Amino acid sequence: MEIHYAGNKMEKKLSSATEIKKAFGTNALRVQRRIDEIRASPCLAVLMQIPAANCHRLTGNRKGEWALNISANHRMIFEIADDPLPKNEDGSVNTILVREIRIINTEDYH
C-alpha cells in the first residue's frame, strides 16, 4: 500500500531507521515492522490478516480512524486516503480496494 502522512513532522519521524529509533526508542523495531508490513501489503484486507499488527477500526469519537498495534498500549493511528472511499453495497469499507492510507499519529490512547 501507499503511505501518506498527516504532516511533515509525522513523515520525518517515520522516514528512516535513524529517525524511528530517535522517536520510539525501545519500540523502534516494532514501528519499523509495521511500516514494512503496510508497504508490503497490496491492500488493507491483507494488512488486517497480520496477527501481530492487529489492524482494527476505531469507534466512538475516533470513527473513521484505524489502528495498528505497536506495543501493548501504543498504536499507530491512520485513516484511509483513497479518494473516493471504496465501499461495499451495504456502505461498509471495501478493504480489498483500499490501496492508500494516511498515518495520523502514534499514541497510547488507552
PDB file of N, CA and C in Angstrom:
ATOM      1  N   MET A   1       0.842  -1.177   0.000  1.00  0.00           N
ATOM      2  CA  MET A   1       0.000   0.000   0.000  1.00  0.00           C
ATOM      3  C   MET A   1       0.884   1.236   0.000  1.00  0.00           C
ATOM      4  N   GLU A   2       0.292   2.295  -0.423  1.00  0.00           N
ATOM      5  CA  GLU A   2       0.982   3.579  -0.421  1.00  0.00           C
ATOM      6  C   GLU A   2       0.713   4.284   0.903  1.00  0.00           C
ATOM      7  N   ILE A   3       1.766   4.883   1.458  1.00  0.00           N
ATOM      8  CA  ILE A   3       1.656   5.578   2.742  1.00  0.00           C
ATOM      9  C   ILE A   3       1.757   7.075   2.527  1.00  0.00           C
ATOM     10  N   HIS A   4       0.810   7.808   3.108  1.00  0.00           N
ATOM     11  CA  HIS A   4       0.857   9.265   3.183  1.00  0.00           C
ATOM     12  C   HIS A   4       0.947   9.611   4.664  1.00  0.00           C
ATOM     13  N   TYR A   5       1.264  10.855   4.953  1.00  0.00           N
ATOM     14  CA  TYR A   5       1.418  11.272   6.344  1.00  0.00           C
ATOM     15  C   TYR A   5       0.577  12.508   6.603  1.00  0.00           C
ATOM     16  N   ALA A   6       0.101  12.651   7.841  1.00  0.00           N
ATOM     17  CA  ALA A   6      -0.744  13.778   8.217  1.00  0.00           C
ATOM     18  C   ALA A   6       0.008  15.106   8.177  1.00  0.00           C
ATOM     19  N   GLY A   7       1.319  15.056   8.258  1.00  0.00           N
ATOM     20  CA  GLY A   7       2.119  16.277   8.224  1.00  0.00           C
ATOM     21  C   GLY A   7       3.591  15.960   8.059  1.00  0.00           C
ATOM     22  N   ASN A   8       4.370  17.005   7.847  1.00  0.00           N
ATOM     23  CA  ASN A   8       5.809  16.835   7.652  1.00  0.00           C
ATOM     24  C   ASN A   8       6.497  16.257   8.881  1.00  0.00           C
ATOM     25  N   LYS A   9       6.031  16.651  10.064  1.00  0.00           N
ATOM     26  CA  LYS A   9       6.630  16.150  11.302  1.00  0.00           C
ATOM     27  C   LYS A   9       6.462  14.631  11.415  1.00  0.00           C
ATOM     28  N   MET A  10       5.261  14.146  11.101  1.00  0.00           N
ATOM     29  CA  MET A  10       4.999  12.702  11.158  1.00  0.00           C
ATOM     30  C   MET A  10       5.813  11.979  10.093  1.00  0.00           C
ATOM     31  N   GLU A  11       5.894  12.549   8.907  1.00  0.00           N
ATOM     32  CA  GLU A  11       6.669  11.928   7.833  1.00  0.00           C
ATOM     33  C   GLU A  11       8.144  11.814   8.218  1.00  0.00           C
ATOM     34  N   LYS A  12       8.693  12.870   8.810  1.00  0.00           N
ATOM     35  CA  LYS A  12      10.104  12.844   9.212  1.00  0.00           C
ATOM     36  C   LYS A  12      10.326  11.791  10.299  1.00  0.00           C
ATOM     37  N   LYS A  13       9.407  11.715  11.252  1.00  0.00           N
ATOM     38  CA  LYS A  13       9.524  10.782  12.373  1.00  0.00           C
ATOM     39  C   LYS A  13       9.537   9.325  11.897  1.00  0.00           C
ATOM     40  N   LEU A  14       8.870   9.036  10.770  1.00  0.00           N
ATOM     41  CA  LEU A  14       8.759   7.670  10.279  1.00  0.00           C
ATOM     42  C   LEU A  14       9.534   7.425   8.986  1.00  0.00           C
ATOM     43  N   SER A  15      10.423   8.359   8.618  1.00  0.00           N
ATOM     44  CA  SER A  15      11.072   8.298   7.307  1.00  0.00           C
ATOM     45  C   SER A  15      12.313   7.410   7.225  1.00  0.00           C
ATOM     46  N   SER A  16      12.993   7.200   8.319  1.00  0.00           N
ATOM     47  CA  SER A  16      14.218   6.400   8.271  1.00  0.00           C
ATOM     48  C   SER A  16      14.410   5.656   9.585  1.00  0.00           C
ATOM     49  N   ALA A  17      15.246   4.636   9.548  1.00  0.00           N
ATOM     50  CA  ALA A  17      15.520   3.849  10.757  1.00  0.00           C
ATOM     51  C   ALA A  17      16.094   4.725  11.866  1.00  0.00           C
ATOM     52  N   THR A  18      16.935   5.670  11.508  1.00  0.00           N
ATOM     53  CA  THR A  18      17.546   6.570  12.495  1.00  0.00           C
ATOM     54  C   THR A  18      16.484   7.423  13.179  1.00  0.00           C
ATOM     55  N   GLU A  19      15.591   8.010  12.389  1.00  0.00           N
ATOM     56  CA  GLU A  19      14.521   8.856  12.954  1.00  0.00           C
ATOM     57  C   GLU A  19      13.553   8.030  13.795  1.00  0.00           C
ATOM     58  N   ILE A  20      13.242   6.829  13.342  1.00  0.00           N
ATOM     59  CA  ILE A  20      12.344   5.952  14.097  1.00  0.00           C
ATOM     60  C   ILE A  20      12.974   5.598  15.440  1.00  0.00           C
ATOM     61  N   LYS A  21      14.248   5.259  15.437  1.00  0.00           N
ATOM     62  CA  LYS A  21      14.969   4.924  16.681  1.00  0.00           C
ATOM     63  C   LYS A  21      14.955   6.109  17.642  1.00  0.00           C
ATOM     64  N   LYS A  22      15.196   7.303  17.099  1.00  0.00           N
ATOM     65  CA  LYS A  22      15.225   8.510  17.924  1.00  0.00           C
ATOM     66  C   LYS A  22      13.838   8.792  18.529  1.00  0.00           C
ATOM     67  N   ALA A  23      12.786   8.602  17.752  1.00  0.00           N
ATOM     68  CA  ALA A  23      11.438   8.925  18.210  1.00  0.00           C
ATOM     69  C   ALA A  23      10.815   7.848  19.097  1.00  0.00           C
ATOM     70  N   PHE A  24      11.154   6.567  18.861  1.00  0.00           N
ATOM     71  CA  PHE A  24      10.445   5.488  19.531  1.00  0.00           C
ATOM     72  C   PHE A  24      11.296   4.627  20.454  1.00  0.00           C
ATOM     73  N   GLY A  25      12.591   4.789  20.457  1.00  0.00           N
ATOM     74  CA  GLY A  25      13.454   4.059  21.379  1.00  0.00           C
ATOM     75  C   GLY A  25      13.253   2.559  21.321  1.00  0.00           C
ATOM     76  N   THR A  26      12.814   1.964  22.421  1.00  0.00           N
ATOM     77  CA  THR A  26      12.677   0.509  22.504  1.00  0.00           C
ATOM     78  C   THR A  26      11.581  -0.052  21.581  1.00  0.00           C
ATOM     79  N   ASN A  27      10.667   0.784  21.141  1.00  0.00           N
ATOM     80  CA  ASN A  27       9.617   0.345  20.220  1.00  0.00           C
ATOM     81  C   ASN A  27       9.983   0.545  18.751  1.00  0.00           C
ATOM     82  N   ALA A  28      11.188   1.006  18.483  1.00  0.00           N
ATOM     83  CA  ALA A  28      11.596   1.331  17.111  1.00  0.00           C
ATOM     84  C   ALA A  28      11.463   0.142  16.162  1.00  0.00           C
ATOM     85  N   LEU A  29      11.879  -1.023  16.594  1.00  0.00           N
ATOM     86  CA  LEU A  29      11.805  -2.206  15.733  1.00  0.00           C
ATOM     87  C   LEU A  29      10.361  -2.542  15.384  1.00  0.00           C
ATOM     88  N   ARG A  30       9.466  -2.427  16.361  1.00  0.00           N
ATOM     89  CA  ARG A  30       8.042  -2.699  16.098  1.00  0.00           C
ATOM     90  C   ARG A  30       7.442  -1.682  15.133  1.00  0.00           C
ATOM     91  N   VAL A  31       7.812  -0.417  15.301  1.00  0.00           N
ATOM     92  CA  VAL A  31       7.318   0.632  14.396  1.00  0.00           C
ATOM     93  C   VAL A  31       7.810   0.365  12.976  1.00  0.00           C
ATOM     94  N   GLN A  32       9.097   0.055  12.828  1.00  0.00           N
ATOM     95  CA  GLN A  32       9.646  -0.244  11.506  1.00  0.00           C
ATOM     96  C   GLN A  32       8.952  -1.460  10.894  1.00  0.00           C
ATOM     97  N   ARG A  33       8.662  -2.446  11.702  1.00  0.00           N
ATOM     98  CA  ARG A  33       7.975  -3.643  11.220  1.00  0.00           C
ATOM     99  C   ARG A  33       6.583  -3.282  10.690  1.00  0.00           C
ATOM    100  N   ARG A  34       5.854  -2.418  11.416  1.00  0.00           N
ATOM    101  CA  ARG A  34       4.521  -2.006  10.953  1.00  0.00           C
ATOM    102  C   ARG A  34       4.612  -1.249   9.626  1.00  0.00           C
ATOM    103  N   ILE A  35       5.583  -0.357   9.492  1.00  0.00           N
ATOM    104  CA  ILE A  35       5.770   0.392   8.241  1.00  0.00           C
ATOM    105  C   ILE A  35       6.060  -0.581   7.102  1.00  0.00           C
ATOM    106  N   ASP A  36       6.940  -1.538   7.342  1.00  0.00           N
ATOM    107  CA  ASP A  36       7.281  -2.537   6.322  1.00  0.00           C
ATOM    108  C   ASP A  36       6.061  -3.375   5.944  1.00  0.00           C
ATOM    109  N   GLU A  37       5.247  -3.740   6.926  1.00  0.00           N
ATOM    110  CA  GLU A  37       4.048  -4.531   6.655  1.00  0.00           C
ATOM    111  C   GLU A  37       3.043  -3.742   5.825  1.00  0.00           C
ATOM    112  N   ILE A  38       2.900  -2.460   6.117  1.00  0.00           N
ATOM    113  CA  ILE A  38       1.990  -1.618   5.325  1.00  0.00           C
ATOM    114  C   ILE A  38       2.456  -1.574   3.880  1.00  0.00           C
ATOM    115  N   ARG A  39       3.737  -1.289   3.680  1.00  0.00           N
ATOM    116  CA  ARG A  39       4.273  -1.191   2.315  1.00  0.00           C
ATOM    117  C   ARG A  39       4.170  -2.509   1.554  1.00  0.00           C
ATOM    118  N   ALA A  40       4.330  -3.631   2.251  1.00  0.00           N
ATOM    119  CA  ALA A  40       4.301  -4.944   1.600  1.00  0.00           C
ATOM    120  C   ALA A  40       2.879  -5.423   1.296  1.00  0.00           C
ATOM    121  N   SER A  41       1.897  -4.856   1.972  1.00  0.00           N
ATOM    122  CA  SER A  41       0.507  -5.280   1.770  1.00  0.00           C
ATOM    123  C   SER A  41      -0.078  -4.608   0.533  1.00  0.00           C
ATOM    124  N   PRO A  42      -0.670  -5.389  -0.366  1.00  0.00           N
ATOM    125  CA  PRO A  42      -1.266  -4.779  -1.556  1.00  0.00           C
ATOM    126  C   PRO A  42      -2.564  -4.025  -1.257  1.00  0.00           C
ATOM    127  N   CYS A  43      -3.208  -4.373  -0.122  1.00  0.00           N
ATOM    128  CA  CYS A  43      -4.457  -3.707   0.245  1.00  0.00           C
ATOM    129  C   CYS A  43      -4.683  -3.843   1.754  1.00  0.00           C
ATOM    130  N   LEU A  44      -5.661  -3.111   2.255  1.00  0.00           N
ATOM    131  CA  LEU A  44      -5.959  -3.130   3.686  1.00  0.00           C
ATOM    132  C   LEU A  44      -6.413  -4.508   4.156  1.00  0.00           C
ATOM    133  N   ALA A  45      -7.119  -5.241   3.316  1.00  0.00           N
ATOM    134  CA  ALA A  45      -7.583  -6.586   3.695  1.00  0.00           C
ATOM    135  C   ALA A  45      -6.416  -7.501   4.049  1.00  0.00           C
ATOM    136  N   VAL A  46      -5.305  -7.403   3.322  1.00  0.00           N
ATOM    137  CA  VAL A  46      -4.119  -8.221   3.608  1.00  0.00           C
ATOM    138  C   VAL A  46      -3.482  -7.775   4.919  1.00  0.00           C
ATOM    139  N   LEU A  47      -3.372  -6.461   5.126  1.00  0.00           N
ATOM    140  CA  LEU A  47      -2.799  -5.934   6.373  1.00  0.00           C
ATOM    141  C   LEU A  47      -3.607  -6.407   7.576  1.00  0.00           C
ATOM    142  N   MET A  48      -4.907  -6.516   7.416  1.00  0.00           N
ATOM    143  CA  MET A  48      -5.772  -6.961   8.515  1.00  0.00           C
ATOM    144  C   MET A  48      -5.558  -8.430   8.864  1.00  0.00           C
ATOM    145  N   GLN A  49      -4.904  -9.188   8.011  1.00  0.00           N
ATOM    146  CA  GLN A  49      -4.649 -10.614   8.260  1.00  0.00           C
ATOM    147  C   GLN A  49      -3.363 -10.861   9.051  1.00  0.00           C
ATOM    148  N   ILE A  50      -2.572  -9.822   9.312  1.00  0.00           N
ATOM    149  CA  ILE A  50      -1.309  -9.975  10.039  1.00  0.00           C
ATOM    150  C   ILE A  50      -1.614  -9.923  11.543  1.00  0.00           C
ATOM    151  N   PRO A  51      -1.491 -11.055  12.244  1.00  0.00           N
ATOM    152  CA  PRO A  51      -1.881 -11.103  13.660  1.00  0.00           C
ATOM    153  C   PRO A  51      -1.161 -10.087  14.551  1.00  0.00           C
ATOM    154  N   ALA A  52       0.133  -9.929  14.399  1.00  0.00           N
ATOM    155  CA  ALA A  52       0.887  -9.021  15.271  1.00  0.00           C
ATOM    156  C   ALA A  52       0.476  -7.565  15.081  1.00  0.00           C
ATOM    157  N   ALA A  53       0.048  -7.209  13.882  1.00  0.00           N
ATOM    158  CA  ALA A  53      -0.350  -5.822  13.606  1.00  0.00           C
ATOM    159  C   ALA A  53      -1.703  -5.494  14.240  1.00  0.00           C
ATOM    160  N   ASN A  54      -2.587  -6.500  14.343  1.00  0.00           N
ATOM    161  CA  ASN A  54      -3.916  -6.305  14.910  1.00  0.00           C
ATOM    162  C   ASN A  54      -4.591  -5.053  14.331  1.00  0.00           C
ATOM    163  N   CYS A  55      -4.634  -4.961  13.028  1.00  0.00           N
ATOM    164  CA  CYS A  55      -5.251  -3.826  12.344  1.00  0.00           C
ATOM    165  C   CYS A  55      -6.745  -3.829  12.632  1.00  0.00           C
ATOM    166  N   HIS A  56      -7.238  -2.710  13.172  1.00  0.00           N
ATOM    167  CA  HIS A  56      -8.646  -2.649  13.524  1.00  0.00           C
ATOM    168  C   HIS A  56      -9.211  -1.239  13.373  1.00  0.00           C
ATOM    169  N   ARG A  57     -10.494  -1.205  13.138  1.00  0.00           N
ATOM    170  CA  ARG A  57     -11.241   0.039  13.000  1.00  0.00           C
ATOM    171  C   ARG A  57     -11.519   0.599  14.392  1.00  0.00           C
ATOM    172  N   LEU A  58     -11.448   1.913  14.534  1.00  0.00           N
ATOM    173  CA  LEU A  58     -11.755   2.540  15.810  1.00  0.00           C
ATOM    174  C   LEU A  58     -13.201   3.011  15.818  1.00  0.00           C
ATOM    175  N   THR A  59     -13.735   3.215  16.995  1.00  0.00           N
ATOM    176  CA  THR A  59     -15.146   3.592  17.136  1.00  0.00           C
ATOM    177  C   THR A  59     -15.283   4.847  17.987  1.00  0.00           C
ATOM    178  N   GLY A  60     -16.503   5.233  18.226  1.00  0.00           N
ATOM    179  CA  GLY A  60     -16.784   6.391  19.078  1.00  0.00           C
ATOM    180  C   GLY A  60     -16.309   7.674  18.435  1.00  0.00           C
ATOM    181  N   ASN A  61     -15.617   8.507  19.223  1.00  0.00           N
ATOM    182  CA  ASN A  61     -15.142   9.784  18.684  1.00  0.00           C
ATOM    183  C   ASN A  61     -13.963   9.608  17.726  1.00  0.00           C
ATOM    184  N   ARG A  62     -13.496   8.388  17.536  1.00  0.00           N
ATOM    185  CA  ARG A  62     -12.404   8.100  16.597  1.00  0.00           C
ATOM    186  C   ARG A  62     -12.923   7.376  15.354  1.00  0.00           C
ATOM    187  N   LYS A  63     -14.225   7.442  15.134  1.00  0.00           N
ATOM    188  CA  LYS A  63     -14.833   6.798  13.975  1.00  0.00           C
ATOM    189  C   LYS A  63     -14.177   7.324  12.699  1.00  0.00           C
ATOM    190  N   GLY A  64     -13.861   6.417  11.781  1.00  0.00           N
ATOM    191  CA  GLY A  64     -13.183   6.790  10.540  1.00  0.00           C
ATOM    192  C   GLY A  64     -11.681   6.584  10.609  1.00  0.00           C
ATOM    193  N   GLU A  65     -11.185   6.331  11.820  1.00  0.00           N
ATOM    194  CA  GLU A  65      -9.760   6.061  12.014  1.00  0.00           C
ATOM    195  C   GLU A  65      -9.549   4.572  12.246  1.00  0.00           C
ATOM    196  N   TRP A  66      -8.340   4.131  11.967  1.00  0.00           N
ATOM    197  CA  TRP A  66      -7.942   2.737  12.148  1.00  0.00           C
ATOM    198  C   TRP A  66      -6.668   2.733  12.981  1.00  0.00           C
ATOM    199  N   ALA A  67      -6.310   1.566  13.533  1.00  0.00           N
ATOM    200  CA  ALA A  67      -5.102   1.467  14.353  1.00  0.00           C
ATOM    201  C   ALA A  67      -4.369   0.161  14.098  1.00  0.00           C
ATOM    202  N   LEU A  68      -3.058   0.238  14.281  1.00  0.00           N
ATOM    203  CA  LEU A  68      -2.169  -0.925  14.263  1.00  0.00           C
ATOM    204  C   LEU A  68      -1.460  -0.965  15.601  1.00  0.00           C
ATOM    205  N   ASN A  69      -1.269  -2.146  16.158  1.00  0.00           N
ATOM    206  CA  ASN A  69      -0.532  -2.276  17.414  1.00  0.00           C
ATOM    207  C   ASN A  69       0.953  -2.013  17.208  1.00  0.00           C
ATOM    208  N   ILE A  70       1.522  -1.211  18.095  1.00  0.00           N
ATOM    209  CA  ILE A  70       2.976  -1.060  18.175  1.00  0.00           C
ATOM    210  C   ILE A  70       3.455  -1.858  19.383  1.00  0.00           C
ATOM    211  N   SER A  71       2.779  -1.673  20.502  1.00  0.00           N
ATOM    212  CA  SER A  71       3.062  -2.442  21.721  1.00  0.00           C
ATOM    213  C   SER A  71       1.720  -2.678  22.416  1.00  0.00           C
ATOM    214  N   ALA A  72       1.767  -3.138  23.653  1.00  0.00           N
ATOM    215  CA  ALA A  72       0.523  -3.442  24.366  1.00  0.00           C
ATOM    216  C   ALA A  72      -0.434  -2.252  24.412  1.00  0.00           C
ATOM    217  N   ASN A  73       0.079  -1.053  24.612  1.00  0.00           N
ATOM    218  CA  ASN A  73      -0.776   0.135  24.712  1.00  0.00           C
ATOM    219  C   ASN A  73      -0.613   1.122  23.566  1.00  0.00           C
ATOM    220  N   HIS A  74       0.491   1.102  22.873  1.00  0.00           N
ATOM    221  CA  HIS A  74       0.753   2.094  21.828  1.00  0.00           C
ATOM    222  C   HIS A  74       0.226   1.640  20.471  1.00  0.00           C
ATOM    223  N   ARG A  75      -0.351   2.601  19.745  1.00  0.00           N
ATOM    224  CA  ARG A  75      -0.951   2.318  18.452  1.00  0.00           C
ATOM    225  C   ARG A  75      -0.462   3.313  17.394  1.00  0.00           C
ATOM    226  N   MET A  76      -0.437   2.847  16.150  1.00  0.00           N
ATOM    227  CA  MET A  76      -0.204   3.712  15.005  1.00  0.00           C
ATOM    228  C   MET A  76      -1.593   3.988  14.426  1.00  0.00           C
ATOM    229  N   ILE A  77      -2.004   5.242  14.444  1.00  0.00           N
ATOM    230  CA  ILE A  77      -3.341   5.639  14.023  1.00  0.00           C
ATOM    231  C   ILE A  77      -3.284   6.093  12.561  1.00  0.00           C
ATOM    232  N   PHE A  78      -4.229   5.598  11.753  1.00  0.00           N
ATOM    233  CA  PHE A  78      -4.266   6.018  10.349  1.00  0.00           C
ATOM    234  C   PHE A  78      -5.696   6.121   9.862  1.00  0.00           C
ATOM    235  N   GLU A  79      -5.838   6.776   8.716  1.00  0.00           N
ATOM    236  CA  GLU A  79      -7.129   6.853   8.049  1.00  0.00           C
ATOM    237  C   GLU A  79      -6.942   6.406   6.611  1.00  0.00           C
ATOM    238  N   ILE A  80      -8.000   6.016   5.989  1.00  0.00           N
ATOM    239  CA  ILE A  80      -7.944   5.592   4.593  1.00  0.00           C
ATOM    240  C   ILE A  80      -7.816   6.833   3.726  1.00  0.00           C
ATOM    241  N   ALA A  81      -6.832   6.829   2.817  1.00  0.00           N
ATOM    242  CA  ALA A  81      -6.562   8.002   1.985  1.00  0.00           C
ATOM    243  C   ALA A  81      -7.116   7.862   0.569  1.00  0.00           C
ATOM    244  N   ASP A  82      -7.675   6.701   0.232  1.00  0.00           N
ATOM    245  CA  ASP A  82      -8.254   6.531  -1.104  1.00  0.00           C
ATOM    246  C   ASP A  82      -9.392   7.529  -1.295  1.00  0.00           C
ATOM    247  N   ASP A  83      -9.436   8.141  -2.467  1.00  0.00           N
ATOM    248  CA  ASP A  83     -10.495   9.093  -2.776  1.00  0.00           C
ATOM    249  C   ASP A  83     -11.063   8.762  -4.135  1.00  0.00           C
ATOM    250  N   PRO A  84     -12.281   8.324  -4.225  1.00  0.00           N
ATOM    251  CA  PRO A  84     -13.280   8.188  -3.166  1.00  0.00           C
ATOM    252  C   PRO A  84     -13.039   6.941  -2.325  1.00  0.00           C
ATOM    253  N   LEU A  85     -13.630   6.949  -1.153  1.00  0.00           N
ATOM    254  CA  LEU A  85     -13.518   5.817  -0.237  1.00  0.00           C
ATOM    255  C   LEU A  85     -14.234   4.611  -0.843  1.00  0.00           C
ATOM    256  N   PRO A  86     -13.504   3.482  -1.054  1.00  0.00           N
ATOM    257  CA  PRO A  86     -14.160   2.303  -1.628  1.00  0.00           C
ATOM    258  C   PRO A  86     -15.142   1.674  -0.636  1.00  0.00           C
ATOM    259  N   LYS A  87     -16.385   1.513  -1.074  1.00  0.00           N
ATOM    260  CA  LYS A  87     -17.419   0.976  -0.182  1.00  0.00           C
ATOM    261  C   LYS A  87     -18.107  -0.215  -0.809  1.00  0.00           C
ATOM    262  N   ASN A  88     -18.609  -1.083   0.054  1.00  0.00           N
ATOM    263  CA  ASN A  88     -19.437  -2.207  -0.353  1.00  0.00           C
ATOM    264  C   ASN A  88     -20.870  -1.714  -0.525  1.00  0.00           C
ATOM    265  N   GLU A  89     -21.722  -2.564  -1.043  1.00  0.00           N
ATOM    266  CA  GLU A  89     -23.127  -2.199  -1.241  1.00  0.00           C
ATOM    267  C   GLU A  89     -23.829  -1.826   0.059  1.00  0.00           C
ATOM    268  N   ASP A  90     -23.388  -2.433   1.170  1.00  0.00           N
ATOM    269  CA  ASP A  90     -24.017  -2.140   2.464  1.00  0.00           C
ATOM    270  C   ASP A  90     -23.454  -0.879   3.126  1.00  0.00           C
ATOM    271  N   GLY A  91     -22.512  -0.192   2.464  1.00  0.00           N
ATOM    272  CA  GLY A  91     -21.947   1.046   2.990  1.00  0.00           C
ATOM    273  C   GLY A  91     -20.666   0.867   3.787  1.00  0.00           C
ATOM    274  N   SER A  92     -20.284  -0.374   4.061  1.00  0.00           N
ATOM    275  CA  SER A  92     -19.039  -0.622   4.800  1.00  0.00           C
ATOM    276  C   SER A  92     -17.833  -0.428   3.871  1.00  0.00           C
ATOM    277  N   VAL A  93     -16.667  -0.259   4.453  1.00  0.00           N
ATOM    278  CA  VAL A  93     -15.437  -0.055   3.682  1.00  0.00           C
ATOM    279  C   VAL A  93     -15.049  -1.355   2.998  1.00  0.00           C
ATOM    280  N   ASN A  94     -14.759  -1.274   1.706  1.00  0.00           N
ATOM    281  CA  ASN A  94     -14.287  -2.429   0.947  1.00  0.00           C
ATOM    282  C   ASN A  94     -12.767  -2.482   1.107  1.00  0.00           C
ATOM    283  N   THR A  95     -12.298  -3.231   2.095  1.00  0.00           N
ATOM    284  CA  THR A  95     -10.879  -3.257   2.443  1.00  0.00           C
ATOM    285  C   THR A  95     -10.003  -3.844   1.344  1.00  0.00           C
ATOM    286  N   ILE A  96     -10.591  -4.628   0.440  1.00  0.00           N
ATOM    287  CA  ILE A  96      -9.820  -5.198  -0.671  1.00  0.00           C
ATOM    288  C   ILE A  96      -9.408  -4.109  -1.654  1.00  0.00           C
ATOM    289  N   LEU A  97     -10.181  -3.044  -1.758  1.00  0.00           N
ATOM    290  CA  LEU A  97      -9.891  -1.964  -2.705  1.00  0.00           C
ATOM    291  C   LEU A  97      -9.087  -0.815  -2.102  1.00  0.00           C
ATOM    292  N   VAL A  98      -8.867  -0.836  -0.787  1.00  0.00           N
ATOM    293  CA  VAL A  98      -8.100   0.237  -0.140  1.00  0.00           C
ATOM    294  C   VAL A  98      -6.622   0.044  -0.444  1.00  0.00           C
ATOM    295  N   ARG A  99      -6.025   1.034  -1.098  1.00  0.00           N
ATOM    296  CA  ARG A  99      -4.624   0.959  -1.509  1.00  0.00           C
ATOM    297  C   ARG A  99      -3.749   2.065  -0.913  1.00  0.00           C
ATOM    298  N   GLU A 100      -4.367   3.039  -0.230  1.00  0.00           N
ATOM    299  CA  GLU A 100      -3.622   4.165   0.331  1.00  0.00           C
ATOM    300  C   GLU A 100      -4.119   4.471   1.742  1.00  0.00           C
ATOM    301  N   ILE A 101      -3.162   4.747   2.631  1.00  0.00           N
ATOM    302  CA  ILE A 101      -3.515   5.180   3.982  1.00  0.00           C
ATOM    303  C   ILE A 101      -2.730   6.435   4.329  1.00  0.00           C
ATOM    304  N   ARG A 102      -3.219   7.173   5.310  1.00  0.00           N
ATOM    305  CA  ARG A 102      -2.541   8.364   5.816  1.00  0.00           C
ATOM    306  C   ARG A 102      -2.308   8.153   7.306  1.00  0.00           C
ATOM    307  N   ILE A 103      -1.049   8.093   7.707  1.00  0.00           N
ATOM    308  CA  ILE A 103      -0.715   7.910   9.123  1.00  0.00           C
ATOM    309  C   ILE A 103      -0.912   9.255   9.823  1.00  0.00           C
ATOM    310  N   ILE A 104      -1.746   9.246  10.852  1.00  0.00           N
ATOM    311  CA  ILE A 104      -2.091  10.455  11.572  1.00  0.00           C
ATOM    312  C   ILE A 104      -1.191  10.671  12.787  1.00  0.00           C
ATOM    313  N   ASN A 105      -0.979   9.583  13.548  1.00  0.00           N
ATOM    314  CA  ASN A 105      -0.279   9.738  14.819  1.00  0.00           C
ATOM    315  C   ASN A 105       0.151   8.366  15.349  1.00  0.00           C
ATOM    316  N   THR A 106       1.004   8.386  16.341  1.00  0.00           N
ATOM    317  CA  THR A 106       1.323   7.201  17.137  1.00  0.00           C
ATOM    318  C   THR A 106       1.097   7.622  18.583  1.00  0.00           C
ATOM    319  N   GLU A 107       0.311   6.836  19.307  1.00  0.00           N
ATOM    320  CA  GLU A 107      -0.040   7.254  20.663  1.00  0.00           C
ATOM    321  C   GLU A 107      -0.524   6.095  21.522  1.00  0.00           C
ATOM    322  N   ASP A 108      -0.617   6.372  22.799  1.00  0.00           N
ATOM    323  CA  ASP A 108      -1.232   5.468  23.757  1.00  0.00           C
ATOM    324  C   ASP A 108      -2.572   6.094  24.096  1.00  0.00           C
ATOM    325  N   TYR A 109      -3.642   5.607  23.505  1.00  0.00           N
ATOM    326  CA  TYR A 109      -4.966   6.190  23.749  1.00  0.00           C
ATOM    327  C   TYR A 109      -5.769   5.421  24.779  1.00  0.00           C
ATOM    328  N   HIS A 110      -5.145   4.491  25.475  1.00  0.00           N
ATOM    329  CA  HIS A 110      -5.856   3.702  26.497  1.00  0.00           C
ATOM    330  C   HIS A 110      -5.918   4.436  27.810  1.00  0.00           C
TER     331      HIS A 110
END
